[in-house]
Amino acid sequence: MADSSRATGIGFWGALTLLFIAFKITGYIDWSWIWVLAPLWGPIALMLVVAFVVILVTLALDWDGQ
């Protein structure tokens, strides 16, 4: 049986990145390229920060328990 629930297209973050790039190239926004490309690296950075906080909290709770 074929799986018909596969997603297609570029998705929200890809579309937002393309929109920001178009705005930057046309001069509509005057942002640094780091912020124009933030939709590419932002979700990954956020995930890493959340994972780091979870690890710190877990270690703090374990340290307090001993």
Protein backbone atom coordinates (compact mmCIF):
# COMPACT_ATOMS: atom_id res chain seq x y z
CA MET A 1 0.00 0.00 0.00
CA ALA A 2 1.43 3.39 -1.02
CA ASP A 3 1.90 6.10 1.58
CA SER A 4 0.00 9.14 0.30
CA SER A 5 0.74 11.39 3.29
CA ARG A 6 4.09 12.67 2.03
CA ALA A 7 4.56 16.43 2.04
CA THR A 8 5.48 18.26 -1.12
CA GLY A 9 6.69 21.78 -1.76
CA ILE A 10 9.23 24.01 -0.09
CA GLY A 11 7.34 24.62 3.14
CA PHE A 12 6.89 27.69 5.28
CA TRP A 13 10.55 28.31 6.16
CA GLY A 14 11.70 27.89 2.56
CA ALA A 15 9.05 30.30 1.30
CA LEU A 16 9.93 32.83 4.00
CA THR A 17 13.61 32.59 3.06
CA LEU A 18 12.83 33.18 -0.62
CA LEU A 19 10.62 36.13 0.28
CA PHE A 20 13.34 37.69 2.45
CA ILE A 21 15.94 37.17 -0.30
CA ALA A 22 13.66 38.81 -2.86
CA PHE A 23 13.05 41.75 -0.50
CA LYS A 24 16.79 42.12 0.11
CA ILE A 25 17.70 42.01 -3.59
CA THR A 26 15.02 44.52 -4.56
CA GLY A 27 16.05 46.88 -1.76
CA TYR A 28 12.72 46.67 0.07
CA ILE A 29 14.56 45.72 3.27
CA ASP A 30 18.05 46.74 4.37
CA TRP A 31 18.83 43.84 6.67
CA SER A 32 22.12 42.05 7.08
CA TRP A 33 22.34 38.77 5.16
CA ILE A 34 22.57 36.89 8.46
CA TRP A 35 18.99 37.97 9.26
CA VAL A 36 17.75 37.48 5.69
CA LEU A 37 18.88 33.85 5.91
CA ALA A 38 17.67 33.39 9.50
CA PRO A 39 14.74 31.15 8.47
CA LEU A 40 17.36 28.62 7.34
CA TRP A 41 19.39 28.50 10.55
CA GLY A 42 16.90 29.84 13.09
CA PRO A 43 14.88 26.68 13.74
CA ILE A 44 18.07 24.63 14.13
CA ALA A 45 19.55 27.18 16.54
CA LEU A 46 16.34 27.26 18.56
CA MET A 47 16.29 23.47 18.77
CA LEU A 48 19.91 23.43 19.99
CA VAL A 49 19.20 26.07 22.65
CA VAL A 50 16.16 24.15 23.90
CA ALA A 51 18.16 20.91 24.02
CA PHE A 52 20.96 22.66 25.93
CA VAL A 53 18.50 24.08 28.48
CA VAL A 54 16.85 20.67 28.94
CA ILE A 55 20.26 19.08 29.53
CA LEU A 56 21.21 21.79 32.04
CA VAL A 57 17.92 21.43 33.93
CA THR A 58 18.25 17.64 33.94
CA LEU A 59 21.79 17.84 35.29
CA ALA A 60 20.80 20.42 37.90
CA LEU A 61 17.92 18.30 39.14
CA ASP A 62 20.11 15.19 39.23
CA TRP A 63 22.89 17.07 41.06
CA ASP A 64 20.42 18.42 43.61
CA GLY A 65 19.08 14.90 44.22
CA GLN A 66 22.43 13.44 45.28
